[in-house]
Amino acid sequence: MQIEARKERTGRVALVTGGTTGIGAAISEALLAAGYRVAANYLGNMPLAEAFSARTGIPVFEWNVADLAACNDGVACVQAAIGAVEVLVNNAGITRDVMLHKMTAAQWREVIDVDLGGCFAMCRAVIEGMRERRFGRIVNISSVNGLSGQAGQTNYAAAKAGLIGFTKSLALEGASRNITTNAIAPGYTDTAMVSAVRPDVMEQILKAVPAGRLGLPSEIARGAVFLAADDAGFINGITLSINGGKYLA
C-alpha cells in the first residue's frame, strides 16, 4: 500500500527500507530535513506507517524486501510517485535470536533472506538506473554484532557481516559511475527492539559500552545523511562504526 505525501519537495530521491520505525524512521526524517524527497518502505504495520506518514509527510510503500519481484514493483511505484531512486538506505532487518544448537532452518533462513537477501534485492532493483544516470548513493545498515559476533545471533551476525562484504564489492563495481556503497555498523541503539531487553541484560550491555549509554537513532541517521551527500563521492566501501566505543575496528 502507498500512502501519499503531504507536500512536494525538490532534491534527490531517497528510499529507506524499514523506514517508518526505529533507526529507519530517524534516517527518513533526517534525509527529509536535509532536503531529500524521501520514500519509506515498510511491511505489515499499516497503522504505524499511516501515523508516520501523517506526522512527517513522507510517503510510505509496503513490500517485502526479501522478494525480488516485490522490490522491483515497489521501486517502480516510488519512481512513479516521486522520481527515480538516487539514494538507497538498506535498513530493513529482523532478528530471530537463539543459540545455534536450538536454531531451526527457518530461523536461519528468514534472517538471511531479509537482512542480507533484502539488500541484494533492493540494490538489484535500483542499480541499473543508477548506472544509467551515473549517480547513486547506497548505505547499508549493518551492526556492531556483524563485526564482533554475538552469542545467540549466528544468523543475524552472519547476515550483517555479509552486508559488509557486499558493500565493499558493490563499491568497486559502482565507483567508475559515481555510485558509492558504504555501510554503517550501529551499536546498541535506543529503539523499541532494544528497549524490550530484560533490565539485567541491559545492565550488562551498558557495561560493555564505554560511552555508558545506548545510542540515539538520530546519531545513526547523522551518519547516513553524511554518506548520502553528493559531496561524499570519494567515500566508498567503508564501514562507519557508530557504537559508543563498544567495538573498535
C-alpha atoms as a PDB file:
ATOM      1  CA  MET A   1       0.000   0.000   0.000  1.00  0.00           C
ATOM      2  CA  GLN A   2       1.171   3.519  -0.801  1.00  0.00           C
ATOM      3  CA  ILE A   3       0.246   6.486   1.383  1.00  0.00           C
ATOM      4  CA  GLU A   4       0.720   9.803  -0.392  1.00  0.00           C
ATOM      5  CA  ALA A   5       2.993  12.606   0.771  1.00  0.00           C
ATOM      6  CA  ARG A   6       1.559  15.824   2.220  1.00  0.00           C
ATOM      7  CA  LYS A   7       3.698  18.099   0.106  1.00  0.00           C
ATOM      8  CA  GLU A   8       6.152  18.083  -2.734  1.00  0.00           C
ATOM      9  CA  ARG A   9       9.859  18.651  -2.230  1.00  0.00           C
ATOM     10  CA  THR A  10      12.736  19.194  -4.558  1.00  0.00           C
ATOM     11  CA  GLY A  11      16.056  17.423  -4.227  1.00  0.00           C
ATOM     12  CA  ARG A  12      17.335  13.925  -4.786  1.00  0.00           C
ATOM     13  CA  VAL A  13      15.041  10.977  -4.192  1.00  0.00           C
ATOM     14  CA  ALA A  14      15.971   8.767  -1.228  1.00  0.00           C
ATOM     15  CA  LEU A  15      14.359   5.440  -0.373  1.00  0.00           C
ATOM     16  CA  VAL A  16      14.739   3.974   3.120  1.00  0.00           C
ATOM     17  CA  THR A  17      13.714   0.375   3.740  1.00  0.00           C
ATOM     18  CA  GLY A  18      12.238  -0.337   7.146  1.00  0.00           C
ATOM     19  CA  GLY A  19      11.915   3.420   7.158  1.00  0.00           C
ATOM     20  CA  THR A  20       8.939   4.027   9.450  1.00  0.00           C
ATOM     21  CA  THR A  21      10.281   2.792  12.791  1.00  0.00           C
ATOM     22  CA  GLY A  22      13.414   2.997  14.915  1.00  0.00           C
ATOM     23  CA  ILE A  23      16.668   3.790  13.145  1.00  0.00           C
ATOM     24  CA  GLY A  24      14.934   3.716   9.765  1.00  0.00           C
ATOM     25  CA  ALA A  25      12.415   6.360  10.803  1.00  0.00           C
ATOM     26  CA  ALA A  26      15.214   8.575  12.114  1.00  0.00           C
ATOM     27  CA  ILE A  27      17.078   8.216   8.820  1.00  0.00           C
ATOM     28  CA  SER A  28      13.941   9.006   6.810  1.00  0.00           C
ATOM     29  CA  GLU A  29      13.315  12.147   8.831  1.00  0.00           C
ATOM     30  CA  ALA A  30      16.935  13.267   8.749  1.00  0.00           C
ATOM     31  CA  LEU A  31      17.082  12.923   4.968  1.00  0.00           C
ATOM     32  CA  LEU A  32      13.827  14.860   4.680  1.00  0.00           C
ATOM     33  CA  ALA A  33      15.253  17.638   6.839  1.00  0.00           C
ATOM     34  CA  ALA A  34      18.341  17.696   4.611  1.00  0.00           C
ATOM     35  CA  GLY A  35      16.183  18.419   1.559  1.00  0.00           C
ATOM     36  CA  TYR A  36      15.738  14.972   0.020  1.00  0.00           C
ATOM     37  CA  ARG A  37      12.471  13.694  -1.391  1.00  0.00           C
ATOM     38  CA  VAL A  38      12.056  10.648   0.819  1.00  0.00           C
ATOM     39  CA  ALA A  39      10.069   7.440   0.449  1.00  0.00           C
ATOM     40  CA  ALA A  40       9.883   4.932   3.301  1.00  0.00           C
ATOM     41  CA  ASN A  41       9.304   1.232   2.848  1.00  0.00           C
ATOM     42  CA  TYR A  42       7.557  -0.852   5.498  1.00  0.00           C
ATOM     43  CA  LEU A  43       5.959  -4.255   5.923  1.00  0.00           C
ATOM     44  CA  GLY A  44       2.982  -5.272   7.989  1.00  0.00           C
ATOM     45  CA  ASN A  45       2.172  -2.476  10.427  1.00  0.00           C
ATOM     46  CA  MET A  46      -0.096  -0.215   8.402  1.00  0.00           C
ATOM     47  CA  PRO A  47      -1.454   1.869  11.323  1.00  0.00           C
ATOM     48  CA  LEU A  48       2.063   2.755  12.410  1.00  0.00           C
ATOM     49  CA  ALA A  49       3.056   3.563   8.810  1.00  0.00           C
ATOM     50  CA  GLU A  50      -0.018   5.740   8.367  1.00  0.00           C
ATOM     51  CA  ALA A  51       0.776   7.625  11.569  1.00  0.00           C
ATOM     52  CA  PHE A  52       4.392   8.105  10.496  1.00  0.00           C
ATOM     53  CA  SER A  53       3.341   9.432   7.087  1.00  0.00           C
ATOM     54  CA  ALA A  54       0.743  11.753   8.593  1.00  0.00           C
ATOM     55  CA  ARG A  55       3.274  13.155  11.045  1.00  0.00           C
ATOM     56  CA  THR A  56       6.174  13.612   8.633  1.00  0.00           C
ATOM     57  CA  GLY A  57       4.615  13.972   5.181  1.00  0.00           C
ATOM     58  CA  ILE A  58       6.831  11.122   3.925  1.00  0.00           C
ATOM     59  CA  PRO A  59       5.034   8.734   1.540  1.00  0.00           C
ATOM     60  CA  VAL A  60       5.225   5.100   2.596  1.00  0.00           C
ATOM     61  CA  PHE A  61       5.138   1.974   0.461  1.00  0.00           C
ATOM     62  CA  GLU A  62       4.569  -1.596   1.608  1.00  0.00           C
ATOM     63  CA  TRP A  63       6.508  -4.577   0.291  1.00  0.00           C
ATOM     64  CA  ASN A  64       8.724  -7.427   1.476  1.00  0.00           C
ATOM     65  CA  VAL A  65      12.379  -6.671   0.745  1.00  0.00           C
ATOM     66  CA  ALA A  66      13.159 -10.401   0.699  1.00  0.00           C
ATOM     67  CA  ASP A  67      11.089 -10.718  -2.507  1.00  0.00           C
ATOM     68  CA  LEU A  68      12.973  -9.514  -5.606  1.00  0.00           C
ATOM     69  CA  ALA A  69       9.827  -9.125  -7.699  1.00  0.00           C
ATOM     70  CA  ALA A  70       8.195  -7.102  -4.918  1.00  0.00           C
ATOM     71  CA  CYS A  71      11.282  -4.879  -4.725  1.00  0.00           C
ATOM     72  CA  ASN A  72      11.164  -4.239  -8.465  1.00  0.00           C
ATOM     73  CA  ASP A  73       7.472  -3.359  -8.242  1.00  0.00           C
ATOM     74  CA  GLY A  74       7.993  -1.228  -5.140  1.00  0.00           C
ATOM     75  CA  VAL A  75      10.812   0.769  -6.699  1.00  0.00           C
ATOM     76  CA  ALA A  76       8.635   1.318  -9.776  1.00  0.00           C
ATOM     77  CA  CYS A  77       5.876   2.688  -7.515  1.00  0.00           C
ATOM     78  CA  VAL A  78       8.304   5.042  -5.792  1.00  0.00           C
ATOM     79  CA  GLN A  79       9.617   6.209  -9.149  1.00  0.00           C
ATOM     80  CA  ALA A  80       6.099   6.899 -10.433  1.00  0.00           C
ATOM     81  CA  ALA A  81       5.221   8.815  -7.268  1.00  0.00           C
ATOM     82  CA  ILE A  82       8.289  10.967  -6.622  1.00  0.00           C
ATOM     83  CA  GLY A  83      11.070  10.115  -9.095  1.00  0.00           C
ATOM     84  CA  ALA A  84      13.949   7.756  -9.759  1.00  0.00           C
ATOM     85  CA  VAL A  85      15.741   6.454  -6.664  1.00  0.00           C
ATOM     86  CA  GLU A  86      19.122   8.143  -6.319  1.00  0.00           C
ATOM     87  CA  VAL A  87      19.830   7.287  -2.673  1.00  0.00           C
ATOM     88  CA  LEU A  88      19.037   3.878  -1.188  1.00  0.00           C
ATOM     89  CA  VAL A  89      19.327   3.093   2.516  1.00  0.00           C
ATOM     90  CA  ASN A  90      19.021  -0.633   3.225  1.00  0.00           C
ATOM     91  CA  ASN A  91      17.839  -0.583   6.807  1.00  0.00           C
ATOM     92  CA  ALA A  92      15.131  -3.281   6.922  1.00  0.00           C
ATOM     93  CA  GLY A  93      16.066  -6.166   9.159  1.00  0.00           C
ATOM     94  CA  ILE A  94      14.760  -8.714  11.620  1.00  0.00           C
ATOM     95  CA  THR A  95      16.126 -10.863  14.434  1.00  0.00           C
ATOM     96  CA  ARG A  96      15.340 -14.437  15.400  1.00  0.00           C
ATOM     97  CA  ASP A  97      17.755 -14.829  18.293  1.00  0.00           C
ATOM     98  CA  VAL A  98      18.528 -18.312  19.548  1.00  0.00           C
ATOM     99  CA  MET A  99      21.645 -20.355  20.268  1.00  0.00           C
ATOM    100  CA  LEU A 100      22.781 -22.308  17.239  1.00  0.00           C
ATOM    101  CA  HIS A 101      22.166 -25.719  18.819  1.00  0.00           C
ATOM    102  CA  LYS A 102      18.491 -24.766  19.096  1.00  0.00           C
ATOM    103  CA  MET A 103      18.152 -22.749  15.867  1.00  0.00           C
ATOM    104  CA  THR A 104      15.806 -24.060  13.206  1.00  0.00           C
ATOM    105  CA  ALA A 105      16.463 -23.886   9.488  1.00  0.00           C
ATOM    106  CA  ALA A 106      13.527 -21.481   9.218  1.00  0.00           C
ATOM    107  CA  GLN A 107      15.034 -19.121  11.819  1.00  0.00           C
ATOM    108  CA  TRP A 108      18.315 -19.122   9.933  1.00  0.00           C
ATOM    109  CA  ARG A 109      16.762 -18.667   6.500  1.00  0.00           C
ATOM    110  CA  GLU A 110      14.336 -15.910   7.462  1.00  0.00           C
ATOM    111  CA  VAL A 111      17.047 -13.663   8.884  1.00  0.00           C
ATOM    112  CA  ILE A 112      19.438 -14.280   5.991  1.00  0.00           C
ATOM    113  CA  ASP A 113      16.677 -13.698   3.426  1.00  0.00           C
ATOM    114  CA  VAL A 114      15.538 -10.387   4.923  1.00  0.00           C
ATOM    115  CA  ASP A 115      18.724  -8.875   6.350  1.00  0.00           C
ATOM    116  CA  LEU A 116      21.125  -9.918   3.576  1.00  0.00           C
ATOM    117  CA  GLY A 117      18.886 -11.035   0.733  1.00  0.00           C
ATOM    118  CA  GLY A 118      16.845  -7.860   1.087  1.00  0.00           C
ATOM    119  CA  CYS A 119      19.961  -5.783   0.481  1.00  0.00           C
ATOM    120  CA  PHE A 120      20.676  -7.740  -2.700  1.00  0.00           C
ATOM    121  CA  ALA A 121      17.088  -7.451  -3.936  1.00  0.00           C
ATOM    122  CA  MET A 122      16.855  -3.702  -3.287  1.00  0.00           C
ATOM    123  CA  CYS A 123      20.254  -2.935  -4.794  1.00  0.00           C
ATOM    124  CA  ARG A 124      19.418  -5.072  -7.809  1.00  0.00           C
ATOM    125  CA  ALA A 125      16.190  -3.111  -8.259  1.00  0.00           C
ATOM    126  CA  VAL A 126      17.934   0.285  -8.379  1.00  0.00           C
ATOM    127  CA  ILE A 127      21.458  -0.345  -9.645  1.00  0.00           C
ATOM    128  CA  GLU A 128      20.771  -0.311 -13.372  1.00  0.00           C
ATOM    129  CA  GLY A 129      19.056   3.070 -13.125  1.00  0.00           C
ATOM    130  CA  MET A 130      21.900   4.461 -11.049  1.00  0.00           C
ATOM    131  CA  ARG A 131      24.428   3.238 -13.598  1.00  0.00           C
ATOM    132  CA  GLU A 132      22.485   4.825 -16.445  1.00  0.00           C
ATOM    133  CA  ARG A 133      22.244   8.158 -14.605  1.00  0.00           C
ATOM    134  CA  ARG A 134      25.859   7.874 -13.430  1.00  0.00           C
ATOM    135  CA  PHE A 135      24.965   8.704  -9.852  1.00  0.00           C
ATOM    136  CA  GLY A 136      23.995   6.760  -6.782  1.00  0.00           C
ATOM    137  CA  ARG A 137      24.444   6.582  -3.025  1.00  0.00           C
ATOM    138  CA  ILE A 138      23.803   3.273  -1.279  1.00  0.00           C
ATOM    139  CA  VAL A 139      24.027   2.979   2.505  1.00  0.00           C
ATOM    140  CA  ASN A 140      23.694  -0.478   4.071  1.00  0.00           C
ATOM    141  CA  ILE A 141      22.866  -0.709   7.755  1.00  0.00           C
ATOM    142  CA  SER A 142      24.979  -3.477   9.264  1.00  0.00           C
ATOM    143  CA  SER A 143      25.576  -3.918  13.008  1.00  0.00           C
ATOM    144  CA  VAL A 144      28.308  -3.936  15.615  1.00  0.00           C
ATOM    145  CA  ASN A 145      27.449  -7.616  16.026  1.00  0.00           C
ATOM    146  CA  GLY A 146      28.344  -8.210  12.396  1.00  0.00           C
ATOM    147  CA  LEU A 147      31.842  -7.034  13.332  1.00  0.00           C
ATOM    148  CA  SER A 148      32.270  -8.569  16.772  1.00  0.00           C
ATOM    149  CA  GLY A 149      29.864 -11.509  16.741  1.00  0.00           C
ATOM    150  CA  GLN A 150      27.263 -12.165  19.411  1.00  0.00           C
ATOM    151  CA  ALA A 151      26.148 -15.320  21.160  1.00  0.00           C
ATOM    152  CA  GLY A 152      22.617 -16.263  20.173  1.00  0.00           C
ATOM    153  CA  GLN A 153      22.868 -14.353  16.893  1.00  0.00           C
ATOM    154  CA  THR A 154      24.762 -16.557  14.452  1.00  0.00           C
ATOM    155  CA  ASN A 155      22.068 -15.873  11.842  1.00  0.00           C
ATOM    156  CA  TYR A 156      21.926 -12.106  12.423  1.00  0.00           C
ATOM    157  CA  ALA A 157      25.695 -11.664  12.770  1.00  0.00           C
ATOM    158  CA  ALA A 158      26.286 -13.683   9.606  1.00  0.00           C
ATOM    159  CA  ALA A 159      23.822 -11.552   7.652  1.00  0.00           C
ATOM    160  CA  LYS A 160      25.238  -8.276   8.975  1.00  0.00           C
ATOM    161  CA  ALA A 161      28.831  -9.385   8.315  1.00  0.00           C
ATOM    162  CA  GLY A 162      27.744 -10.410   4.824  1.00  0.00           C
ATOM    163  CA  LEU A 163      26.442  -6.891   4.253  1.00  0.00           C
ATOM    164  CA  ILE A 164      29.951  -5.558   4.783  1.00  0.00           C
ATOM    165  CA  GLY A 165      31.454  -7.840   2.131  1.00  0.00           C
ATOM    166  CA  PHE A 166      28.576  -6.989  -0.197  1.00  0.00           C
ATOM    167  CA  THR A 167      29.204  -3.289   0.428  1.00  0.00           C
ATOM    168  CA  LYS A 168      32.887  -3.488  -0.441  1.00  0.00           C
ATOM    169  CA  SER A 169      32.254  -5.456  -3.624  1.00  0.00           C
ATOM    170  CA  LEU A 170      29.476  -3.200  -4.909  1.00  0.00           C
ATOM    171  CA  ALA A 171      31.636  -0.169  -4.078  1.00  0.00           C
ATOM    172  CA  LEU A 172      34.227  -1.474  -6.542  1.00  0.00           C
ATOM    173  CA  GLU A 173      31.609  -2.127  -9.203  1.00  0.00           C
ATOM    174  CA  GLY A 174      29.957   1.279  -8.995  1.00  0.00           C
ATOM    175  CA  ALA A 175      32.877   3.637  -8.401  1.00  0.00           C
ATOM    176  CA  SER A 176      33.515   4.500 -12.047  1.00  0.00           C
ATOM    177  CA  ARG A 177      29.861   5.541 -12.421  1.00  0.00           C
ATOM    178  CA  ASN A 178      29.819   7.831  -9.358  1.00  0.00           C
ATOM    179  CA  ILE A 179      27.899   5.247  -7.339  1.00  0.00           C
ATOM    180  CA  THR A 180      29.155   4.825  -3.793  1.00  0.00           C
ATOM    181  CA  THR A 181      28.231   1.985  -1.464  1.00  0.00           C
ATOM    182  CA  ASN A 182      29.020   2.274   2.225  1.00  0.00           C
ATOM    183  CA  ALA A 183      27.909   0.580   5.424  1.00  0.00           C
ATOM    184  CA  ILE A 184      27.049   1.783   8.891  1.00  0.00           C
ATOM    185  CA  ALA A 185      27.528  -0.567  11.839  1.00  0.00           C
ATOM    186  CA  PRO A 186      25.409   0.795  14.691  1.00  0.00           C
ATOM    187  CA  GLY A 187      25.981  -0.272  18.245  1.00  0.00           C
ATOM    188  CA  TYR A 188      23.145  -0.839  20.677  1.00  0.00           C
ATOM    189  CA  THR A 189      20.638   1.904  19.951  1.00  0.00           C
ATOM    190  CA  ASP A 190      17.582   3.130  21.850  1.00  0.00           C
ATOM    191  CA  THR A 191      14.851   1.548  19.740  1.00  0.00           C
ATOM    192  CA  ALA A 192      11.757  -0.435  20.678  1.00  0.00           C
ATOM    193  CA  MET A 193      13.567  -3.699  19.960  1.00  0.00           C
ATOM    194  CA  VAL A 194      16.481  -2.904  22.279  1.00  0.00           C
ATOM    195  CA  SER A 195      14.255  -1.361  24.935  1.00  0.00           C
ATOM    196  CA  ALA A 196      12.439  -4.703  25.251  1.00  0.00           C
ATOM    197  CA  VAL A 197      15.618  -6.346  26.591  1.00  0.00           C
ATOM    198  CA  ARG A 198      15.412  -7.505  30.207  1.00  0.00           C
ATOM    199  CA  PRO A 199      16.839  -4.978  32.724  1.00  0.00           C
ATOM    200  CA  ASP A 200      19.596  -7.361  33.880  1.00  0.00           C
ATOM    201  CA  VAL A 201      20.687  -7.958  30.284  1.00  0.00           C
ATOM    202  CA  MET A 202      20.562  -4.227  29.557  1.00  0.00           C
ATOM    203  CA  GLU A 203      22.831  -3.604  32.531  1.00  0.00           C
ATOM    204  CA  GLN A 204      25.433  -5.943  31.063  1.00  0.00           C
ATOM    205  CA  ILE A 205      25.105  -4.326  27.628  1.00  0.00           C
ATOM    206  CA  LEU A 206      25.723  -0.847  29.028  1.00  0.00           C
ATOM    207  CA  LYS A 207      28.748  -2.051  30.984  1.00  0.00           C
ATOM    208  CA  ALA A 208      30.324  -3.049  27.657  1.00  0.00           C
ATOM    209  CA  VAL A 209      29.780   0.388  26.085  1.00  0.00           C
ATOM    210  CA  PRO A 210      32.475   2.900  27.055  1.00  0.00           C
ATOM    211  CA  ALA A 211      30.027   5.753  26.464  1.00  0.00           C
ATOM    212  CA  GLY A 212      27.840   4.209  29.156  1.00  0.00           C
ATOM    213  CA  ARG A 213      24.593   4.602  27.258  1.00  0.00           C
ATOM    214  CA  LEU A 214      22.605   3.470  24.257  1.00  0.00           C
ATOM    215  CA  GLY A 215      22.985   5.327  21.008  1.00  0.00           C
ATOM    216  CA  LEU A 216      20.214   7.539  19.706  1.00  0.00           C
ATOM    217  CA  PRO A 217      18.550   6.765  16.362  1.00  0.00           C
ATOM    218  CA  SER A 218      19.325  10.340  15.344  1.00  0.00           C
ATOM    219  CA  GLU A 219      23.048   9.655  15.836  1.00  0.00           C
ATOM    220  CA  ILE A 220      22.893   6.778  13.358  1.00  0.00           C
ATOM    221  CA  ALA A 221      20.843   8.907  10.981  1.00  0.00           C
ATOM    222  CA  ARG A 222      23.530  11.584  11.031  1.00  0.00           C
ATOM    223  CA  GLY A 223      25.963   9.062   9.537  1.00  0.00           C
ATOM    224  CA  ALA A 224      23.503   8.073   6.813  1.00  0.00           C
ATOM    225  CA  VAL A 225      22.941  11.671   5.738  1.00  0.00           C
ATOM    226  CA  PHE A 226      26.708  12.203   5.627  1.00  0.00           C
ATOM    227  CA  LEU A 227      27.285   9.181   3.376  1.00  0.00           C
ATOM    228  CA  ALA A 228      24.315  10.037   1.129  1.00  0.00           C
ATOM    229  CA  ALA A 229      25.575  13.508   0.258  1.00  0.00           C
ATOM    230  CA  ASP A 230      26.604  14.484  -3.252  1.00  0.00           C
ATOM    231  CA  ASP A 231      29.972  15.633  -1.945  1.00  0.00           C
ATOM    232  CA  ALA A 232      30.667  12.255  -0.296  1.00  0.00           C
ATOM    233  CA  GLY A 233      31.648  10.800  -3.654  1.00  0.00           C
ATOM    234  CA  PHE A 234      35.210   9.910  -2.594  1.00  0.00           C
ATOM    235  CA  ILE A 235      33.995   7.932   0.411  1.00  0.00           C
ATOM    236  CA  ASN A 236      33.376   4.444  -0.888  1.00  0.00           C
ATOM    237  CA  GLY A 237      33.382   0.924   0.536  1.00  0.00           C
ATOM    238  CA  ILE A 238      33.804   1.929   4.175  1.00  0.00           C
ATOM    239  CA  THR A 239      32.068   0.691   7.303  1.00  0.00           C
ATOM    240  CA  LEU A 240      31.246   3.578   9.617  1.00  0.00           C
ATOM    241  CA  SER A 241      31.048   2.281  13.187  1.00  0.00           C
ATOM    242  CA  ILE A 242      28.724   4.292  15.431  1.00  0.00           C
ATOM    243  CA  ASN A 243      28.799   2.315  18.657  1.00  0.00           C
ATOM    244  CA  GLY A 244      29.976   4.445  21.572  1.00  0.00           C
ATOM    245  CA  GLY A 245      33.352   2.729  21.553  1.00  0.00           C
ATOM    246  CA  LYS A 246      31.972  -0.769  22.185  1.00  0.00           C
ATOM    247  CA  TYR A 247      33.952  -2.312  19.333  1.00  0.00           C
ATOM    248  CA  LEU A 248      36.914  -0.605  17.681  1.00  0.00           C
ATOM    249  CA  ALA A 249      37.822  -1.792  14.202  1.00  0.00           C
END
